[in-house]
N, C-alpha and C. Protein backbone atom coordinates (compact mmCIF):
# COMPACT_ATOMS: atom_id res chain seq x y z
N MET A 1 36.84 3.34 32.55
CA MET A 1 37.47 4.93 33.60
C MET A 1 36.36 6.08 33.68
N ALA A 2 36.52 5.79 35.28
CA ALA A 2 34.93 7.09 35.89
C ALA A 2 36.08 8.02 36.35
N MET A 3 35.33 9.21 35.40
CA MET A 3 36.65 11.01 35.85
C MET A 3 35.79 11.05 37.04
N PRO A 4 35.98 12.20 37.60
CA PRO A 4 36.27 13.18 38.47
C PRO A 4 34.57 13.69 38.86
N PRO A 5 34.51 14.21 39.82
CA PRO A 5 33.45 14.07 39.63
C PRO A 5 32.98 15.98 39.26
N GLY A 6 32.58 16.59 38.45
CA GLY A 6 32.77 17.39 37.13
C GLY A 6 33.17 17.75 36.37
N MET A 7 34.07 16.78 35.84
CA MET A 7 35.40 16.98 34.83
C MET A 7 33.91 16.72 33.24
N PRO A 8 34.48 17.25 32.52
CA PRO A 8 33.67 16.94 30.86
C PRO A 8 33.78 15.40 30.57
N SER A 9 32.95 15.33 29.77
CA SER A 9 33.38 13.10 30.05
C SER A 9 34.19 13.37 28.14
N PRO A 10 35.36 12.97 28.52
CA PRO A 10 36.76 13.30 26.41
C PRO A 10 35.12 12.62 25.64
N PRO A 11 35.29 13.94 24.18
CA PRO A 11 34.54 13.63 23.08
C PRO A 11 34.72 11.36 22.62
N PRO A 12 33.97 11.45 22.14
CA PRO A 12 33.64 9.82 21.64
C PRO A 12 35.25 10.02 20.43
N PRO A 13 35.26 8.33 19.96
CA PRO A 13 36.59 8.72 19.10
C PRO A 13 36.46 8.69 17.52
N LEU A 14 37.16 8.77 16.86
CA LEU A 14 37.26 9.86 16.02
C LEU A 14 36.77 7.82 14.94
N PRO A 15 35.77 8.03 13.78
CA PRO A 15 36.20 6.97 13.23
C PRO A 15 36.73 6.79 11.75
N PRO A 16 37.14 5.80 12.32
CA PRO A 16 38.93 5.20 11.62
C PRO A 16 38.29 6.22 10.12
N PRO A 17 39.19 6.72 9.13
CA PRO A 17 39.13 7.18 7.69
C PRO A 17 38.61 6.60 7.12
N GLY A 18 37.54 6.79 5.69
CA GLY A 18 37.08 6.07 4.59
C GLY A 18 38.11 6.40 3.32
N LYS A 19 37.81 4.92 2.95
CA LYS A 19 38.86 4.94 1.64
C LYS A 19 38.40 5.99 0.77
N PRO A 20 39.14 7.08 -0.19
CA PRO A 20 39.27 7.42 -1.13
C PRO A 20 38.46 7.32 -1.94
N PRO A 21 37.47 7.88 -2.57
CA PRO A 21 36.75 7.75 -3.51
C PRO A 21 37.40 6.73 -4.88
N SER A 22 36.69 5.59 -5.33
CA SER A 22 37.14 5.15 -6.74
C SER A 22 37.23 5.67 -7.69
N THR A 23 38.34 5.35 -8.61
CA THR A 23 37.75 5.96 -10.39
C THR A 23 37.47 4.79 -11.02
N ASP A 24 37.02 3.69 -10.20
CA ASP A 24 36.40 3.30 -11.00
C ASP A 24 35.43 3.14 -11.77
N LEU A 25 34.52 3.80 -11.40
CA LEU A 25 33.01 3.57 -12.05
C LEU A 25 32.75 4.33 -13.25
N PHE A 26 33.94 6.07 -13.09
CA PHE A 26 33.84 6.76 -13.86
C PHE A 26 34.89 6.12 -14.97
N LEU A 27 35.53 5.44 -14.90
CA LEU A 27 36.74 4.14 -16.35
C LEU A 27 35.24 3.65 -17.02
N LYS A 28 34.46 3.05 -15.95
CA LYS A 28 34.43 1.45 -16.21
C LYS A 28 32.99 2.71 -17.50
N VAL A 29 32.07 3.77 -16.69
CA VAL A 29 31.34 4.49 -18.04
C VAL A 29 32.14 4.69 -19.45
N GLY A 30 33.23 5.84 -18.89
CA GLY A 30 33.86 5.96 -19.72
C GLY A 30 34.43 5.37 -21.13
N VAL A 31 34.74 4.12 -20.72
CA VAL A 31 35.32 3.37 -21.48
C VAL A 31 34.59 2.72 -21.97
N VAL A 32 32.75 2.43 -21.60
CA VAL A 32 31.93 2.53 -22.10
C VAL A 32 31.12 3.53 -23.28
N PHE A 33 31.15 4.60 -23.00
CA PHE A 33 31.10 5.79 -24.24
C PHE A 33 32.23 5.84 -25.24
N LEU A 34 33.49 5.61 -25.15
CA LEU A 34 34.54 5.80 -25.77
C LEU A 34 34.13 4.11 -26.84
N GLY A 35 33.97 3.36 -26.04
CA GLY A 35 33.78 2.40 -27.50
C GLY A 35 32.09 2.22 -28.25
N LEU A 36 31.39 3.56 -27.81
CA LEU A 36 29.98 3.48 -28.21
C LEU A 36 30.08 4.44 -29.37
N SER A 37 30.67 5.25 -29.50
CA SER A 37 31.38 5.93 -29.94
C SER A 37 32.18 5.96 -30.97
N LEU A 38 33.49 5.11 -30.88
CA LEU A 38 34.19 4.64 -31.46
C LEU A 38 33.66 3.41 -32.67
N ALA A 39 32.57 2.68 -32.52
CA ALA A 39 31.65 2.38 -33.07
C ALA A 39 30.78 2.87 -34.70
N VAL A 40 30.29 3.73 -33.63
CA VAL A 40 29.12 5.04 -34.02
C VAL A 40 30.21 5.19 -35.13
N GLY A 41 31.21 5.92 -35.61
CA GLY A 41 32.00 6.59 -36.24
C GLY A 41 32.71 6.09 -36.51
N LEU A 42 33.08 4.50 -37.02
CA LEU A 42 33.64 3.86 -37.64
C LEU A 42 32.58 2.95 -38.71
N ILE A 43 31.70 2.67 -37.67
CA ILE A 43 30.52 2.26 -38.94
C ILE A 43 29.62 3.48 -40.59
N GLY A 44 29.62 4.82 -39.50
CA GLY A 44 29.34 5.37 -40.39
C GLY A 44 29.71 5.95 -41.72
N PHE A 45 31.53 5.21 -41.03
CA PHE A 45 32.73 5.36 -42.39
C PHE A 45 32.79 4.93 -43.22
N HIS A 46 32.25 3.09 -42.65
CA HIS A 46 32.16 1.77 -43.56
C HIS A 46 31.11 2.08 -44.46
N ALA A 47 29.63 2.53 -43.81
CA ALA A 47 28.72 2.09 -44.19
C ALA A 47 28.48 3.50 -45.05
N ALA A 48 29.42 4.25 -45.44
CA ALA A 48 29.55 5.43 -46.83
C ALA A 48 30.32 4.65 -48.41
N TYR A 49 30.72 3.58 -47.94
CA TYR A 49 31.58 3.02 -49.29
C TYR A 49 30.33 1.54 -49.51
N PHE A 50 29.56 1.56 -48.99
CA PHE A 50 28.20 0.43 -48.57
C PHE A 50 27.15 1.43 -49.90
N VAL A 51 27.17 2.65 -49.52
CA VAL A 51 25.84 3.07 -50.58
C VAL A 51 26.20 3.28 -51.98
N PRO A 52 25.74 2.52 -52.91
CA PRO A 52 25.23 1.65 -54.17
C PRO A 52 26.04 2.82 -54.74
N ALA A 53 26.95 3.53 -55.77
CA ALA A 53 26.33 4.56 -56.84
C ALA A 53 26.01 4.39 -57.76
N PRO A 54 25.11 6.03 -58.13
CA PRO A 54 24.41 5.96 -59.26
C PRO A 54 24.93 5.28 -60.04
N ALA A 55 24.32 4.41 -61.45
CA ALA A 55 25.24 4.10 -62.80
C ALA A 55 25.65 5.07 -63.73
N SER A 56 26.08 5.74 -64.57
CA SER A 56 26.99 7.03 -65.15
C SER A 56 25.09 7.40 -66.58
N GLY A 57 24.82 8.70 -66.59
CA GLY A 57 23.72 8.73 -66.75
C GLY A 57 22.59 9.21 -65.99
N THR A 58 22.89 9.10 -64.32
CA THR A 58 21.89 9.27 -64.33
C THR A 58 21.34 10.57 -63.90
N PRO A 59 19.51 10.45 -63.52
CA PRO A 59 19.27 12.09 -63.75
C PRO A 59 19.82 12.31 -62.17
N PRO A 60 20.56 14.14 -62.39
CA PRO A 60 21.15 15.08 -61.45
C PRO A 60 20.10 14.42 -59.77
N PRO A 61 18.96 14.56 -60.35
CA PRO A 61 18.19 14.32 -58.75
C PRO A 61 18.35 13.13 -57.87
N SER A 62 18.97 11.86 -58.43
CA SER A 62 19.45 10.54 -58.10
C SER A 62 20.87 10.67 -57.50
N TYR A 63 22.05 11.26 -58.46
CA TYR A 63 23.19 11.61 -58.72
C TYR A 63 23.05 12.09 -57.07
N GLN A 64 22.13 13.44 -56.57
CA GLN A 64 22.45 14.46 -55.89
C GLN A 64 22.21 13.25 -54.33
N THR A 65 21.06 12.64 -54.53
CA THR A 65 20.77 11.41 -53.34
C THR A 65 22.10 11.38 -52.44
N TYR A 66 22.67 11.02 -53.60
CA TYR A 66 23.77 9.61 -53.72
C TYR A 66 25.25 11.11 -52.64
N ILE A 67 25.06 11.47 -53.60
CA ILE A 67 25.90 12.76 -52.89
C ILE A 67 25.97 12.94 -51.29
N ASP A 68 24.07 13.34 -50.65
CA ASP A 68 24.30 13.75 -50.15
C ASP A 68 24.30 12.11 -48.86
N THR A 69 24.37 12.08 -49.13
CA THR A 69 23.86 10.69 -47.99
C THR A 69 25.64 9.68 -47.69
N VAL A 70 25.93 10.13 -48.82
CA VAL A 70 27.47 9.71 -48.97
C VAL A 70 28.31 11.12 -47.59
N ARG A 71 27.50 12.08 -47.74
CA ARG A 71 28.75 13.62 -47.29
C ARG A 71 28.06 13.32 -45.81
N MET A 72 26.22 12.96 -45.96
CA MET A 72 26.17 12.71 -43.99
C MET A 72 26.82 11.85 -43.93
N LEU A 73 27.39 10.27 -43.85
CA LEU A 73 27.54 9.27 -42.89
C LEU A 73 29.20 9.60 -42.61
N GLY A 74 29.83 10.44 -44.12
CA GLY A 74 31.32 10.78 -43.64
C GLY A 74 31.24 12.55 -42.26
N ILE A 75 30.29 12.71 -42.55
CA ILE A 75 30.37 13.89 -41.26
C ILE A 75 29.49 13.24 -39.83
N VAL A 76 29.31 11.79 -39.61
CA VAL A 76 28.88 11.83 -38.94
C VAL A 76 29.80 10.77 -38.14
N SER A 77 30.38 9.62 -39.27
CA SER A 77 31.80 9.94 -39.09
C SER A 77 32.71 10.90 -38.57
N PHE A 78 32.94 11.72 -38.83
CA PHE A 78 34.41 12.31 -38.99
C PHE A 78 33.46 13.34 -36.76
N VAL A 79 32.69 13.17 -36.64
CA VAL A 79 32.24 13.61 -35.85
C VAL A 79 32.04 12.92 -34.55
N PHE A 80 31.84 11.52 -34.76
CA PHE A 80 31.71 10.39 -33.46
C PHE A 80 32.93 10.04 -33.37
N MET A 81 34.31 9.83 -34.51
CA MET A 81 35.52 9.28 -33.99
C MET A 81 36.31 10.73 -33.45
N ASP A 82 35.74 12.19 -34.09
CA ASP A 82 37.08 13.59 -33.03
C ASP A 82 36.24 13.17 -31.68
N VAL A 83 34.92 12.72 -31.72
CA VAL A 83 34.33 12.63 -30.03
C VAL A 83 35.07 11.30 -29.36
N ALA A 84 35.38 10.47 -29.65
CA ALA A 84 36.75 9.46 -29.59
C ALA A 84 38.00 9.71 -28.74
N VAL A 85 37.77 10.43 -29.78
CA VAL A 85 39.82 10.37 -29.68
C VAL A 85 39.30 11.90 -28.58
N GLY A 86 38.70 12.82 -29.01
CA GLY A 86 38.39 13.91 -27.45
C GLY A 86 38.78 12.91 -25.97
N PHE A 87 37.50 11.95 -25.58
CA PHE A 87 37.25 10.94 -25.10
C PHE A 87 38.87 10.23 -24.21
N SER A 88 39.36 10.78 -25.13
CA SER A 88 40.08 8.99 -25.15
C SER A 88 41.37 9.81 -24.38
N VAL A 89 41.71 10.52 -25.12
CA VAL A 89 43.03 11.96 -24.38
C VAL A 89 41.89 12.38 -23.09
N ILE A 90 40.36 12.89 -22.60
CA ILE A 90 39.75 12.95 -21.04
C ILE A 90 40.76 11.50 -20.44
N LEU A 91 39.92 10.54 -21.10
CA LEU A 91 39.82 9.38 -19.56
C LEU A 91 41.94 9.00 -19.31
N ALA A 92 42.61 9.26 -20.44
CA ALA A 92 44.24 9.52 -20.43
C ALA A 92 44.56 10.03 -19.76
N MET A 93 44.26 11.42 -19.33
CA MET A 93 44.64 12.11 -18.85
C MET A 93 43.72 12.24 -17.03
N PHE A 94 42.67 12.43 -17.29
CA PHE A 94 42.21 11.80 -15.83
C PHE A 94 42.96 10.09 -15.09
N VAL A 95 43.23 9.00 -15.49
CA VAL A 95 44.32 7.58 -15.36
C VAL A 95 45.86 8.91 -15.09
N GLY A 96 45.84 10.09 -15.60
CA GLY A 96 47.73 10.65 -15.46
C GLY A 96 47.99 11.39 -14.17
N LEU A 97 46.26 11.71 -13.79
CA LEU A 97 46.53 12.19 -12.42
C LEU A 97 45.59 11.84 -11.70
N SER A 98 45.86 10.31 -11.68
CA SER A 98 44.81 9.88 -10.34
C SER A 98 46.30 9.21 -10.11
N LYS A 99 45.59 8.96 -8.21
CA LYS A 99 47.10 8.77 -7.20
C LYS A 99 46.26 7.72 -6.71
N ASP A 100 45.83 7.02 -7.64
CA ASP A 100 45.14 5.47 -6.56
C ASP A 100 46.75 4.08 -6.54
N SER A 101 46.11 3.40 -6.98
CA SER A 101 47.35 2.53 -6.99
C SER A 101 47.75 2.12 -8.31
N ILE A 102 46.97 2.95 -9.50
CA ILE A 102 47.93 3.04 -10.35
C ILE A 102 49.71 3.27 -10.33
N PRO A 103 50.09 2.23 -11.26
CA PRO A 103 51.82 3.25 -10.75
C PRO A 103 52.44 3.84 -11.77
N ASP A 104 52.91 4.49 -11.57
CA ASP A 104 53.77 5.79 -11.75
C ASP A 104 53.63 5.62 -13.50
N VAL A 105 54.51 4.17 -13.55
CA VAL A 105 54.51 4.15 -15.38
C VAL A 105 53.57 4.67 -16.03
N THR A 106 52.15 3.63 -15.52
CA THR A 106 50.88 3.38 -16.39
C THR A 106 51.18 5.67 -16.39
N ARG A 107 50.66 6.11 -15.27
CA ARG A 107 50.37 7.13 -15.14
C ARG A 107 51.32 8.39 -16.71
N ARG A 108 52.40 8.42 -16.31
CA ARG A 108 52.93 8.64 -17.42
C ARG A 108 53.02 8.09 -18.91
N GLY A 109 52.81 6.53 -19.56
CA GLY A 109 52.33 6.46 -20.19
C GLY A 109 50.80 7.00 -20.98
N ALA A 110 50.17 7.46 -19.74
CA ALA A 110 48.46 8.27 -20.25
C ALA A 110 49.10 9.53 -20.98
N TRP A 111 50.14 9.87 -19.96
CA TRP A 111 50.09 11.86 -20.43
C TRP A 111 50.59 11.28 -21.71
N LEU A 112 51.94 10.18 -22.05
CA LEU A 112 51.98 10.38 -23.37
C LEU A 112 51.32 10.10 -24.23
N PHE A 113 50.39 9.36 -24.47
CA PHE A 113 49.56 9.48 -25.27
C PHE A 113 48.79 10.07 -25.01
N ALA A 114 47.77 10.76 -23.96
CA ALA A 114 47.15 12.51 -24.29
C ALA A 114 47.74 13.75 -25.32
N VAL A 115 48.97 13.30 -24.84
CA VAL A 115 49.83 14.04 -25.75
C VAL A 115 49.59 13.63 -27.86
N VAL A 116 50.48 12.47 -27.53
CA VAL A 116 51.03 11.39 -29.11
C VAL A 116 49.11 11.78 -29.57
N ILE A 117 48.51 11.15 -29.28
CA ILE A 117 46.92 10.67 -29.62
C ILE A 117 46.61 12.00 -30.42
N PRO A 118 46.29 13.16 -30.50
CA PRO A 118 45.89 14.03 -30.78
C PRO A 118 46.45 14.85 -31.40
N THR A 119 48.20 15.08 -31.21
CA THR A 119 49.28 15.45 -32.49
C THR A 119 48.57 14.87 -33.96
N ALA A 120 48.86 13.25 -33.32
CA ALA A 120 48.80 12.49 -35.05
C ALA A 120 47.19 12.50 -35.55
N TRP A 121 46.24 12.78 -34.79
CA TRP A 121 45.35 13.16 -35.67
C TRP A 121 44.48 14.57 -36.34
N LEU A 122 45.82 14.80 -35.22
CA LEU A 122 45.19 16.06 -36.70
C LEU A 122 46.06 16.29 -37.84
N LEU A 123 47.95 15.69 -37.40
CA LEU A 123 48.45 15.65 -38.72
C LEU A 123 47.38 14.98 -39.70
N VAL A 124 46.65 13.59 -39.02
CA VAL A 124 46.02 12.63 -40.50
C VAL A 124 44.95 13.55 -40.46
N SER A 125 43.71 14.67 -39.89
CA SER A 125 43.21 15.20 -40.29
C SER A 125 43.62 15.82 -41.55
N TRP A 126 44.54 16.76 -41.56
CA TRP A 126 44.84 17.71 -41.79
C TRP A 126 45.16 17.23 -42.84
N SER A 127 45.70 15.97 -43.41
CA SER A 127 46.44 15.66 -44.69
C SER A 127 45.30 14.88 -45.43
N LEU A 128 44.35 14.69 -44.80
CA LEU A 128 43.10 13.94 -45.72
C LEU A 128 42.65 15.07 -46.71
N TYR A 129 42.82 16.64 -46.32
CA TYR A 129 42.28 17.35 -47.22
C TYR A 129 43.73 17.84 -48.45
N SER A 130 44.73 17.46 -47.51
CA SER A 130 45.94 17.82 -48.83
C SER A 130 46.54 16.52 -49.71
N VAL A 131 47.29 15.73 -48.79
CA VAL A 131 47.27 14.41 -48.99
C VAL A 131 46.17 12.99 -49.68
N PHE A 132 45.66 12.94 -49.39
CA PHE A 132 44.82 12.07 -49.48
C PHE A 132 43.85 12.32 -50.34
N ARG A 133 43.57 13.80 -51.02
CA ARG A 133 42.91 14.40 -51.73
C ARG A 133 42.97 14.25 -53.22
N SER A 134 44.11 14.28 -53.35
CA SER A 134 44.60 13.84 -54.79
C SER A 134 44.66 11.77 -55.33
N LEU A 135 44.69 11.24 -53.75
CA LEU A 135 44.61 10.00 -53.69
C LEU A 135 43.29 9.67 -54.16
N PHE A 136 42.85 9.60 -53.34
CA PHE A 136 41.50 8.92 -53.61
C PHE A 136 40.34 10.44 -53.41
N TRP A 137 39.56 9.89 -54.79
CA TRP A 137 38.03 10.78 -54.40
C TRP A 137 36.81 10.55 -53.93
N TYR A 138 35.81 12.00 -52.96
CA TYR A 138 36.00 11.71 -51.99
C TYR A 138 34.19 12.58 -52.70
N PRO A 139 32.95 12.27 -52.43
CA PRO A 139 31.94 12.95 -53.11
C PRO A 139 32.01 13.70 -51.91
N TYR A 140 32.21 14.01 -50.68
CA TYR A 140 32.39 15.27 -50.00
C TYR A 140 32.97 15.95 -49.88
N PHE A 141 33.79 16.23 -51.07
CA PHE A 141 34.66 17.29 -50.41
C PHE A 141 34.19 18.45 -51.49
N PRO A 142 34.79 19.26 -51.04
CA PRO A 142 33.29 20.18 -51.82
C PRO A 142 35.11 20.52 -53.30
């Protein structure tokens, strides 16, 4: 359509609205990170039980090396498991806050998971020093 002389031409049409950024990449990378931290934590936890205990009457340096090894494996296990629990809560909160195509029931479930898991983790962690200490003997307890 031709415009009369002296009239400015209309602005070009706006492009169609873009697709909102997807959360798929964050979730895929997050799940890999979560799986790796769980694997390292569980490997450290189980490896502590495979370290052979020194025979009774062994000299103190050998026994101290055993205690230090089991203690270090326990620390590695607890650190990576705590990271995994914390990151799983972050992922659950991220899913709970996302407005993509995730149904409302799934988002509510993610929020419930984000609340229940840290609570259960803290109760189990605290009971390890109060209840489980009398049931099991761990060389890395002070």
